[in-house]
Protein backbone atom coordinates (compact mmCIF):
# COMPACT_ATOMS: atom_id res chain seq x y z
CA UNK A 1 0.00 0.00 0.00
CA UNK A 2 2.87 2.39 0.70
CA UNK A 3 4.22 1.93 -2.81
CA UNK A 4 0.77 2.53 -4.31
CA UNK A 5 0.34 5.68 -2.22
CA UNK A 6 3.77 6.98 -3.19
CA UNK A 7 3.05 6.28 -6.88
CA UNK A 8 -0.23 8.18 -6.59
CA UNK A 9 1.53 11.12 -4.95
CA UNK A 10 4.19 11.14 -7.65
CA UNK A 11 1.74 11.04 -10.54
CA UNK A 12 -1.33 12.72 -9.05
CA UNK A 13 0.42 15.60 -7.32
CA UNK A 14 3.41 15.78 -9.66
CA UNK A 15 5.99 15.04 -7.01
CA UNK A 16 9.46 15.45 -8.45
CA UNK A 17 8.30 17.75 -11.23
CA UNK A 18 8.40 20.95 -9.21
CA UNK A 19 11.27 23.35 -9.85
CA UNK A 20 13.39 22.87 -6.76
CA UNK A 21 17.06 23.63 -6.28
CA UNK A 22 19.46 21.08 -4.84
CA UNK A 23 19.16 22.73 -1.44
CA UNK A 24 18.13 20.01 0.98
CA UNK A 25 15.63 22.11 2.95
CA UNK A 26 13.75 23.14 -0.19
CA UNK A 27 13.54 19.53 -1.34
CA UNK A 28 12.20 18.49 2.06
CA UNK A 29 9.57 21.24 1.95
CA UNK A 30 8.60 20.23 -1.57
CA UNK A 31 7.97 16.64 -0.53
CA UNK A 32 6.25 17.69 2.69
CA UNK A 33 3.92 19.99 0.76
CA UNK A 34 2.82 17.18 -1.54
CA UNK A 35 2.17 14.83 1.37
CA UNK A 36 0.20 17.53 3.19
CA UNK A 37 -2.00 18.04 0.12
CA UNK A 38 -2.70 14.31 -0.01
CA UNK A 39 -3.55 14.25 3.71
CA UNK A 40 -5.78 17.30 3.33
CA UNK A 41 -7.74 15.61 0.57
CA UNK A 42 -8.11 12.53 2.74
CA UNK A 43 -9.25 14.69 5.65
CA UNK A 44 -11.82 16.51 3.53
CA UNK A 45 -13.33 13.49 1.79
CA UNK A 46 -11.99 10.37 3.51
CA UNK A 47 -14.72 10.23 6.13
CA UNK A 48 -17.29 9.72 3.38
CA UNK A 49 -15.56 6.61 2.07
CA UNK A 50 -16.97 3.26 3.06
CA UNK A 51 -14.78 0.82 5.00
CA UNK A 52 -13.82 -1.32 2.01
CA UNK A 53 -13.53 1.58 -0.43
CA UNK A 54 -10.01 2.77 -1.21
CA UNK A 55 -9.10 6.44 -1.33
CA UNK A 56 -7.85 7.10 -4.84
CA UNK A 57 -5.92 10.33 -4.97
CA UNK A 58 -7.18 10.94 -8.49
CA UNK A 59 -10.83 10.66 -7.42
CA UNK A 60 -10.27 12.89 -4.38
CA UNK A 61 -8.44 15.46 -6.47
CA UNK A 62 -11.19 15.43 -9.12
CA UNK A 63 -13.86 15.92 -6.48
CA UNK A 64 -11.97 18.85 -4.98
CA UNK A 65 -11.64 20.49 -8.40
CA UNK A 66 -15.34 20.00 -9.15
CA UNK A 67 -16.36 21.49 -5.81
CA UNK A 68 -14.03 24.46 -6.28
CA UNK A 69 -15.51 25.16 -9.72
CA UNK A 70 -19.05 24.82 -8.39
CA UNK A 71 -18.31 27.19 -5.52
CA UNK A 72 -16.85 29.76 -7.90
CA UNK A 73 -19.89 29.42 -10.18
CA UNK A 74 -22.25 29.90 -7.23
CA UNK A 75 -20.39 33.04 -6.11
CA UNK A 76 -20.48 34.52 -9.62
CA UNK A 77 -24.17 33.71 -9.95
CA UNK A 78 -24.91 35.34 -6.59
CA UNK A 79 -23.03 38.51 -7.56
CA UNK A 80 -24.84 38.63 -10.89
CA UNK A 81 -28.24 38.26 -9.19
CA UNK A 82 -27.46 41.05 -6.72
CA UNK A 83 -26.30 43.35 -9.51
CA UNK A 84 -29.34 42.50 -11.61
CA UNK A 85 -31.64 43.21 -8.66
CA UNK A 86 -30.01 46.63 -8.07
CA UNK A 87 -30.38 47.52 -11.75
CA UNK A 88 -34.01 46.37 -11.74
CA UNK A 89 -34.79 48.56 -8.74
CA UNK A 90 -33.07 51.55 -10.34
CA UNK A 91 -35.11 51.18 -13.55
C-alpha atoms as a PDB file:
ATOM      1  CA  UNK A   1       0.000   0.000   0.000  1.00  0.00           C
ATOM      2  CA  UNK A   2       2.869   2.388   0.705  1.00  0.00           C
ATOM      3  CA  UNK A   3       4.217   1.929  -2.813  1.00  0.00           C
ATOM      4  CA  UNK A   4       0.773   2.534  -4.313  1.00  0.00           C
ATOM      5  CA  UNK A   5       0.340   5.676  -2.219  1.00  0.00           C
ATOM      6  CA  UNK A   6       3.765   6.983  -3.193  1.00  0.00           C
ATOM      7  CA  UNK A   7       3.049   6.276  -6.878  1.00  0.00           C
ATOM      8  CA  UNK A   8      -0.227   8.183  -6.591  1.00  0.00           C
ATOM      9  CA  UNK A   9       1.527  11.119  -4.949  1.00  0.00           C
ATOM     10  CA  UNK A  10       4.189  11.143  -7.655  1.00  0.00           C
ATOM     11  CA  UNK A  11       1.735  11.045 -10.538  1.00  0.00           C
ATOM     12  CA  UNK A  12      -1.333  12.722  -9.048  1.00  0.00           C
ATOM     13  CA  UNK A  13       0.421  15.605  -7.316  1.00  0.00           C
ATOM     14  CA  UNK A  14       3.407  15.778  -9.663  1.00  0.00           C
ATOM     15  CA  UNK A  15       5.994  15.043  -7.010  1.00  0.00           C
ATOM     16  CA  UNK A  16       9.458  15.452  -8.447  1.00  0.00           C
ATOM     17  CA  UNK A  17       8.300  17.752 -11.233  1.00  0.00           C
ATOM     18  CA  UNK A  18       8.397  20.953  -9.213  1.00  0.00           C
ATOM     19  CA  UNK A  19      11.272  23.348  -9.845  1.00  0.00           C
ATOM     20  CA  UNK A  20      13.391  22.874  -6.757  1.00  0.00           C
ATOM     21  CA  UNK A  21      17.060  23.626  -6.280  1.00  0.00           C
ATOM     22  CA  UNK A  22      19.457  21.084  -4.835  1.00  0.00           C
ATOM     23  CA  UNK A  23      19.164  22.735  -1.440  1.00  0.00           C
ATOM     24  CA  UNK A  24      18.130  20.005   0.979  1.00  0.00           C
ATOM     25  CA  UNK A  25      15.633  22.114   2.954  1.00  0.00           C
ATOM     26  CA  UNK A  26      13.753  23.137  -0.195  1.00  0.00           C
ATOM     27  CA  UNK A  27      13.544  19.527  -1.335  1.00  0.00           C
ATOM     28  CA  UNK A  28      12.198  18.486   2.061  1.00  0.00           C
ATOM     29  CA  UNK A  29       9.570  21.235   1.954  1.00  0.00           C
ATOM     30  CA  UNK A  30       8.602  20.232  -1.567  1.00  0.00           C
ATOM     31  CA  UNK A  31       7.970  16.638  -0.529  1.00  0.00           C
ATOM     32  CA  UNK A  32       6.254  17.691   2.694  1.00  0.00           C
ATOM     33  CA  UNK A  33       3.915  19.991   0.760  1.00  0.00           C
ATOM     34  CA  UNK A  34       2.818  17.176  -1.539  1.00  0.00           C
ATOM     35  CA  UNK A  35       2.175  14.834   1.368  1.00  0.00           C
ATOM     36  CA  UNK A  36       0.195  17.525   3.191  1.00  0.00           C
ATOM     37  CA  UNK A  37      -2.001  18.042   0.120  1.00  0.00           C
ATOM     38  CA  UNK A  38      -2.702  14.311  -0.005  1.00  0.00           C
ATOM     39  CA  UNK A  39      -3.546  14.253   3.709  1.00  0.00           C
ATOM     40  CA  UNK A  40      -5.775  17.303   3.330  1.00  0.00           C
ATOM     41  CA  UNK A  41      -7.743  15.611   0.569  1.00  0.00           C
ATOM     42  CA  UNK A  42      -8.106  12.527   2.735  1.00  0.00           C
ATOM     43  CA  UNK A  43      -9.248  14.687   5.649  1.00  0.00           C
ATOM     44  CA  UNK A  44     -11.822  16.506   3.527  1.00  0.00           C
ATOM     45  CA  UNK A  45     -13.327  13.490   1.790  1.00  0.00           C
ATOM     46  CA  UNK A  46     -11.994  10.374   3.506  1.00  0.00           C
ATOM     47  CA  UNK A  47     -14.716  10.230   6.133  1.00  0.00           C
ATOM     48  CA  UNK A  48     -17.285   9.725   3.375  1.00  0.00           C
ATOM     49  CA  UNK A  49     -15.561   6.605   2.072  1.00  0.00           C
ATOM     50  CA  UNK A  50     -16.972   3.265   3.061  1.00  0.00           C
ATOM     51  CA  UNK A  51     -14.785   0.824   5.000  1.00  0.00           C
ATOM     52  CA  UNK A  52     -13.822  -1.323   2.010  1.00  0.00           C
ATOM     53  CA  UNK A  53     -13.529   1.581  -0.434  1.00  0.00           C
ATOM     54  CA  UNK A  54     -10.005   2.767  -1.206  1.00  0.00           C
ATOM     55  CA  UNK A  55      -9.101   6.443  -1.329  1.00  0.00           C
ATOM     56  CA  UNK A  56      -7.853   7.101  -4.836  1.00  0.00           C
ATOM     57  CA  UNK A  57      -5.922  10.334  -4.972  1.00  0.00           C
ATOM     58  CA  UNK A  58      -7.178  10.943  -8.487  1.00  0.00           C
ATOM     59  CA  UNK A  59     -10.831  10.659  -7.424  1.00  0.00           C
ATOM     60  CA  UNK A  60     -10.268  12.886  -4.377  1.00  0.00           C
ATOM     61  CA  UNK A  61      -8.444  15.460  -6.470  1.00  0.00           C
ATOM     62  CA  UNK A  62     -11.187  15.428  -9.125  1.00  0.00           C
ATOM     63  CA  UNK A  63     -13.862  15.915  -6.478  1.00  0.00           C
ATOM     64  CA  UNK A  64     -11.971  18.854  -4.977  1.00  0.00           C
ATOM     65  CA  UNK A  65     -11.644  20.494  -8.403  1.00  0.00           C
ATOM     66  CA  UNK A  66     -15.339  20.001  -9.152  1.00  0.00           C
ATOM     67  CA  UNK A  67     -16.357  21.489  -5.809  1.00  0.00           C
ATOM     68  CA  UNK A  68     -14.032  24.465  -6.278  1.00  0.00           C
ATOM     69  CA  UNK A  69     -15.506  25.164  -9.722  1.00  0.00           C
ATOM     70  CA  UNK A  70     -19.047  24.823  -8.390  1.00  0.00           C
ATOM     71  CA  UNK A  71     -18.307  27.190  -5.517  1.00  0.00           C
ATOM     72  CA  UNK A  72     -16.850  29.760  -7.903  1.00  0.00           C
ATOM     73  CA  UNK A  73     -19.889  29.422 -10.181  1.00  0.00           C
ATOM     74  CA  UNK A  74     -22.248  29.899  -7.233  1.00  0.00           C
ATOM     75  CA  UNK A  75     -20.392  33.040  -6.108  1.00  0.00           C
ATOM     76  CA  UNK A  76     -20.479  34.517  -9.623  1.00  0.00           C
ATOM     77  CA  UNK A  77     -24.172  33.710  -9.952  1.00  0.00           C
ATOM     78  CA  UNK A  78     -24.914  35.341  -6.589  1.00  0.00           C
ATOM     79  CA  UNK A  79     -23.028  38.510  -7.556  1.00  0.00           C
ATOM     80  CA  UNK A  80     -24.845  38.629 -10.890  1.00  0.00           C
ATOM     81  CA  UNK A  81     -28.240  38.262  -9.194  1.00  0.00           C
ATOM     82  CA  UNK A  82     -27.461  41.050  -6.725  1.00  0.00           C
ATOM     83  CA  UNK A  83     -26.301  43.355  -9.506  1.00  0.00           C
ATOM     84  CA  UNK A  84     -29.338  42.501 -11.607  1.00  0.00           C
ATOM     85  CA  UNK A  85     -31.644  43.214  -8.659  1.00  0.00           C
ATOM     86  CA  UNK A  86     -30.007  46.631  -8.074  1.00  0.00           C
ATOM     87  CA  UNK A  87     -30.378  47.517 -11.749  1.00  0.00           C
ATOM     88  CA  UNK A  88     -34.008  46.368 -11.745  1.00  0.00           C
ATOM     89  CA  UNK A  89     -34.793  48.558  -8.740  1.00  0.00           C
ATOM     90  CA  UNK A  90     -33.068  51.545 -10.341  1.00  0.00           C
ATOM     91  CA  UNK A  91     -35.109  51.176 -13.550  1.00  0.00           C
END
